[in-house]
Amino acid sequence: MIVAALRQRRFAGILALALVAALVAGPAAFARLAYLAGYPGVALPFLSDPAVRGAALYDLGRYAEADDTFREIGRRVTYNRGNSLAVTGDYALSRAYFDAVLFANRFDAGARHNREVVAALVVPHEGEAMGRGRIRAHLAEAGVEVAAFDPDNPQVPVAAVDNFRKGVDARTVTANEDWLETLQDAPGEYLKKRLVAEYDRRRAAGRPAPAEAAPW
């Protein structure tokens, strides 16, 4: 017990010295130290880096504010935005953000795990204007194009709809870092373009587009 007390006093002394050093170095250093020490509330007023500020808000349970902060920062905090979207209930967009992280690094185990969790919470959306009662969102996400369907005249042949492929150019096919830089923090946008590029590539090679899962 005496040893434990001595260790606690030593730790408290070291912490006090570190705090004094941080205060001398300035508020930014103090904020970093306080945040790393597990005191986000103490650090928050002094944090100047928006990314760290958003993380502190998240740690404090102020999820809506954290999400707003991450949204304003953009692509630099895609992973954190996926988390904040999940805890604020936007599961579909959260899944898209984790897809974006995995697109950049498919070996990110944390992003893959989080994506699986939020994907299970996404509620299917039924299509309306292009066929009542059809779950168009999931089909489009899987790379399957759905044509207009008239429930009052089901005998009309169903033809492929190419509208959402308009405007896709050569930059879409090569999804490299230069191409990603042209996007404005919209992971769903470039994932859709990537699906289209994969569909066209498979069609040109004489292979069917995958109908069961998105090709990332």
Protein backbone atom coordinates (compact mmCIF):
# COMPACT_ATOMS: atom_id res chain seq x y z
CA MET A 1 0.00 0.00 0.00
CA ILE A 2 2.90 2.33 0.81
CA VAL A 3 4.48 1.58 -2.57
CA ALA A 4 1.20 2.34 -4.33
CA ALA A 5 0.88 5.63 -2.46
CA LEU A 6 4.42 6.60 -3.41
CA ARG A 7 3.71 5.79 -7.05
CA GLN A 8 0.57 7.91 -6.99
CA ARG A 9 2.45 10.83 -5.46
CA ARG A 10 5.24 10.45 -8.00
CA PHE A 11 2.73 10.37 -10.85
CA ALA A 12 0.96 13.43 -9.45
CA GLY A 13 4.29 15.25 -9.23
CA ILE A 14 5.21 14.37 -12.80
CA LEU A 15 1.76 15.45 -13.99
CA ALA A 16 2.07 18.75 -12.14
CA LEU A 17 5.46 19.43 -13.71
CA ALA A 18 4.10 18.54 -17.14
CA LEU A 19 1.17 20.90 -16.65
CA VAL A 20 3.49 23.72 -15.63
CA ALA A 21 5.68 23.06 -18.67
CA ALA A 22 2.62 23.00 -20.92
CA LEU A 23 1.31 26.26 -19.48
CA VAL A 24 4.68 27.88 -20.06
CA ALA A 25 4.75 26.53 -23.63
CA GLY A 26 1.33 27.99 -24.34
CA PRO A 27 -2.36 27.05 -24.43
CA ALA A 28 -2.00 24.76 -27.45
CA ALA A 29 0.56 22.56 -25.69
CA PHE A 30 -1.55 22.58 -22.52
CA ALA A 31 -4.63 21.55 -24.50
CA ARG A 32 -2.79 18.68 -26.17
CA LEU A 33 -1.47 17.42 -22.87
CA ALA A 34 -4.86 17.68 -21.17
CA TYR A 35 -6.56 15.85 -24.01
CA LEU A 36 -3.96 13.07 -24.09
CA ALA A 37 -4.23 12.76 -20.31
CA GLY A 38 -7.94 12.00 -20.68
CA TYR A 39 -9.44 15.39 -19.89
CA PRO A 40 -11.19 16.50 -23.10
CA GLY A 41 -13.41 18.95 -21.23
CA VAL A 42 -10.38 20.78 -19.83
CA ALA A 43 -8.66 20.77 -23.21
CA LEU A 44 -11.63 21.82 -25.34
CA PRO A 45 -11.53 25.62 -24.77
CA PHE A 46 -7.86 25.72 -25.77
CA LEU A 47 -7.92 23.38 -28.78
CA SER A 48 -7.21 25.14 -32.06
CA ASP A 49 -6.97 22.12 -34.37
CA PRO A 50 -10.53 21.41 -35.63
CA ALA A 51 -9.83 17.69 -35.97
CA VAL A 52 -8.72 17.36 -32.34
CA ARG A 53 -11.56 19.62 -31.24
CA GLY A 54 -14.04 17.35 -32.99
CA ALA A 55 -12.49 14.32 -31.32
CA ALA A 56 -12.76 16.01 -27.92
CA LEU A 57 -16.42 16.83 -28.53
CA TYR A 58 -16.99 13.20 -29.50
CA ASP A 59 -15.28 11.99 -26.32
CA LEU A 60 -17.51 14.30 -24.29
CA GLY A 61 -20.62 12.78 -25.84
CA ARG A 62 -21.47 15.95 -27.77
CA TYR A 63 -21.95 13.91 -30.91
CA ALA A 64 -23.98 16.36 -32.99
CA GLU A 65 -21.37 19.08 -32.48
CA ALA A 66 -18.58 16.63 -33.25
CA ASP A 67 -20.35 15.61 -36.46
CA ASP A 68 -20.74 19.23 -37.54
CA THR A 69 -17.03 19.79 -36.90
CA PHE A 70 -15.98 16.73 -38.89
CA ARG A 71 -18.32 17.69 -41.72
CA GLU A 72 -16.72 21.12 -42.01
CA ILE A 73 -13.20 19.64 -42.02
CA GLY A 74 -13.94 17.29 -44.91
CA ARG A 75 -12.10 14.27 -46.27
CA ARG A 76 -9.20 14.52 -43.80
CA VAL A 77 -11.41 13.06 -41.04
CA THR A 78 -13.48 10.60 -43.06
CA TYR A 79 -13.09 7.82 -40.48
CA ASN A 80 -14.14 10.05 -37.58
CA ARG A 81 -17.09 11.37 -39.59
CA GLY A 82 -18.20 7.79 -40.11
CA ASN A 83 -18.23 7.33 -36.35
CA SER A 84 -20.10 10.56 -35.63
CA LEU A 85 -22.69 9.81 -38.30
CA ALA A 86 -23.24 6.38 -36.77
CA VAL A 87 -23.83 7.65 -33.24
CA THR A 88 -26.15 10.41 -34.52
CA GLY A 89 -28.26 7.86 -36.38
CA ASP A 90 -27.35 8.42 -40.04
CA TYR A 91 -26.37 4.81 -40.62
CA ALA A 92 -26.55 4.85 -44.43
CA LEU A 93 -24.20 7.82 -44.76
CA SER A 94 -21.96 6.40 -42.04
CA ARG A 95 -21.65 3.20 -44.05
CA ALA A 96 -20.71 5.24 -47.12
CA TYR A 97 -17.98 7.01 -45.17
CA PHE A 98 -16.49 3.74 -43.96
CA ASP A 99 -16.68 2.51 -47.56
CA ALA A 100 -14.61 5.56 -48.47
CA VAL A 101 -12.01 4.68 -45.84
CA LEU A 102 -11.85 1.11 -47.13
CA PHE A 103 -11.54 2.36 -50.69
CA ALA A 104 -8.38 4.20 -49.65
CA ASN A 105 -7.13 1.33 -47.47
CA ARG A 106 -8.93 -1.99 -47.77
CA PHE A 107 -6.86 -3.40 -44.90
CA ASP A 108 -8.29 -0.99 -42.32
CA ALA A 109 -9.76 -3.51 -39.87
CA GLY A 110 -11.42 -0.84 -37.74
CA ALA A 111 -13.26 0.70 -40.68
CA ARG A 112 -14.33 -2.73 -41.91
CA HIS A 113 -15.69 -3.67 -38.49
CA ASN A 114 -17.55 -0.38 -38.12
CA ARG A 115 -18.98 -0.70 -41.61
CA GLU A 116 -20.38 -4.14 -40.81
CA VAL A 117 -21.99 -2.80 -37.65
CA VAL A 118 -23.71 0.19 -39.26
CA ALA A 119 -24.64 -1.75 -42.40
CA ALA A 120 -26.77 -4.03 -40.24
CA LEU A 121 -28.65 -0.96 -38.98
CA VAL A 122 -29.46 0.54 -42.39
CA VAL A 123 -33.19 0.44 -43.09
CA PRO A 124 -34.02 -0.50 -46.72
CA HIS A 125 -35.67 2.27 -48.71
CA GLU A 126 -38.48 1.47 -51.11
CA GLY A 127 -38.51 3.14 -54.51
CA GLU A 128 -41.53 5.22 -55.48
CA ALA A 129 -41.19 7.18 -58.70
CA MET A 130 -39.51 4.31 -60.56
CA GLY A 131 -41.65 1.41 -59.40
CA ARG A 132 -43.63 1.25 -56.19
CA GLY A 133 -42.53 -1.31 -53.61
CA ARG A 134 -39.12 -1.92 -55.18
CA ILE A 135 -36.00 -1.54 -53.09
CA ARG A 136 -34.06 0.47 -55.62
CA ALA A 137 -31.47 1.86 -53.27
CA HIS A 138 -29.91 -1.50 -52.47
CA LEU A 139 -29.98 -2.63 -56.09
CA ALA A 140 -28.27 0.54 -57.27
CA GLU A 141 -25.73 0.19 -54.50
CA ALA A 142 -24.95 -3.32 -55.72
CA GLY A 143 -24.40 -2.12 -59.27
CA VAL A 144 -27.75 -3.37 -60.60
CA GLU A 145 -29.68 -0.95 -62.77
CA VAL A 146 -33.46 -0.90 -62.38
CA ALA A 147 -35.83 0.23 -65.11
CA ALA A 148 -39.19 1.92 -64.73
CA PHE A 149 -41.92 -0.51 -63.76
CA ASP A 150 -45.63 0.13 -64.09
CA PRO A 151 -47.57 -2.11 -61.65
CA ASP A 152 -50.75 -1.43 -63.64
CA ASN A 153 -49.16 -2.69 -66.84
CA PRO A 154 -46.59 -5.34 -65.88
CA GLN A 155 -46.37 -6.74 -69.42
CA VAL A 156 -44.40 -3.75 -70.66
CA PRO A 157 -40.81 -4.90 -71.34
CA VAL A 158 -38.31 -3.70 -68.78
CA ALA A 159 -35.43 -1.86 -70.42
CA ALA A 160 -32.19 -0.86 -68.76
CA VAL A 161 -32.00 2.67 -67.50
CA ASP A 162 -28.74 4.42 -68.34
CA ASN A 163 -29.54 7.85 -66.94
CA PHE A 164 -27.34 7.63 -63.88
CA ARG A 165 -24.33 6.73 -66.05
CA LYS A 166 -24.47 10.03 -67.94
CA GLY A 167 -21.53 12.29 -67.37
CA VAL A 168 -19.13 9.50 -66.48
CA ASP A 169 -15.85 10.15 -68.24
CA ALA A 170 -12.39 8.60 -68.42
CA ARG A 171 -11.44 10.00 -65.01
CA THR A 172 -13.97 7.65 -63.44
CA VAL A 173 -12.32 4.52 -64.76
CA THR A 174 -8.98 5.28 -63.12
CA ALA A 175 -9.92 5.87 -59.48
CA ASN A 176 -6.51 7.10 -58.37
CA GLU A 177 -5.54 9.75 -55.83
CA ASP A 178 -5.63 12.55 -58.41
CA TRP A 179 -9.21 11.67 -59.28
CA LEU A 180 -10.22 11.47 -55.62
CA GLU A 181 -8.92 14.99 -55.10
CA THR A 182 -11.63 16.28 -57.46
CA LEU A 183 -14.39 15.08 -55.15
CA GLN A 184 -15.86 17.29 -52.47
CA ASP A 185 -16.06 14.98 -49.45
CA ALA A 186 -18.77 12.85 -51.02
CA PRO A 187 -17.85 9.18 -50.56
CA GLY A 188 -21.20 8.04 -51.89
CA GLU A 189 -20.54 9.95 -55.10
CA TYR A 190 -17.26 8.33 -55.98
CA LEU A 191 -18.43 4.91 -54.84
CA LYS A 192 -21.30 5.19 -57.29
CA LYS A 193 -18.86 6.22 -60.03
CA ARG A 194 -16.59 3.34 -59.15
CA LEU A 195 -19.51 0.91 -59.46
CA VAL A 196 -20.28 2.34 -62.89
CA ALA A 197 -16.65 2.00 -63.98
CA GLU A 198 -16.58 -1.61 -62.79
CA TYR A 199 -19.87 -2.33 -64.59
CA ASP A 200 -18.57 -0.89 -67.86
CA ARG A 201 -15.24 -2.72 -67.52
CA ARG A 202 -16.98 -6.06 -66.99
CA ARG A 203 -19.38 -5.42 -69.86
CA ALA A 204 -16.48 -4.60 -72.18
CA ALA A 205 -14.75 -7.81 -71.11
CA GLY A 206 -17.90 -9.84 -71.75
CA ARG A 207 -18.50 -10.61 -68.09
CA PRO A 208 -21.74 -9.87 -66.21
CA ALA A 209 -21.79 -7.18 -63.57
CA PRO A 210 -22.00 -8.55 -60.03
CA ALA A 211 -25.59 -8.57 -58.82
CA GLU A 212 -25.04 -9.64 -55.22
CA ALA A 213 -22.46 -7.28 -53.80
CA ALA A 214 -20.70 -4.05 -54.60
CA PRO A 215 -17.36 -4.71 -56.36
CA TRP A 216 -14.86 -3.14 -53.96
